[in-house]
Structure formats: C-alpha cells, structure tokens
Amino acid sequence: MTGGDALVRLERAGNLIFDIPDDLETVVDSVALERFVMLGMLGGAAVSIAYAAQHPNRVSKLVIYGGYAQGHNQRGSGARS
C-alpha cells in the first residue's frame, strides 16, 4: 500500500447475511471512506456485490474471489450428479 491507503477488514461470524450490508455501511462511514476498492471473498462476495450495486458512487472497483452472486441453492436448475 502507498501513503494514504488503508486496509479495513470486516469479518462477522454468525450474523445473518442481510445484517452485514448495514454493518458494512457503518464501518465505511466511521472511517470516512469516500471511494474505495472492495474485495469480496467466498460468502462475502454476495454482500460485496449488493453493497456495490447500492453504492456505485463509493465503490471504485469490485474484486470477487471464490464467491457467488446468488448462492449455491439459488443457481440454475442444472443439478450435478
């Protein structure tokens, strides 16, 4: 990271997925981030996608690693055997 850059990590074990976007917004506001790059990993990918869609003026780039947008049980009907 270069001067002026910061790493803010939000990790919430045991919370319901729909509580996390509000928690994320609280963290972003509390550290006064106006625009930032967001990394969503695994289960956090869906939350990152939702947050970026709701706040496109705050998320400059979105990086998704090993995640999914809809969830394992919500994807298409093609079952694997």
Foldseek 3Di string as FASTA:
>chain_A
DDPPDDDDDDDDPPDDLVVVLVVVVVVCVVVVQQAEAEEAEADRLLSQVVNCVVCVRHYPYYHYYHYDNQDPVPDDPDDDD
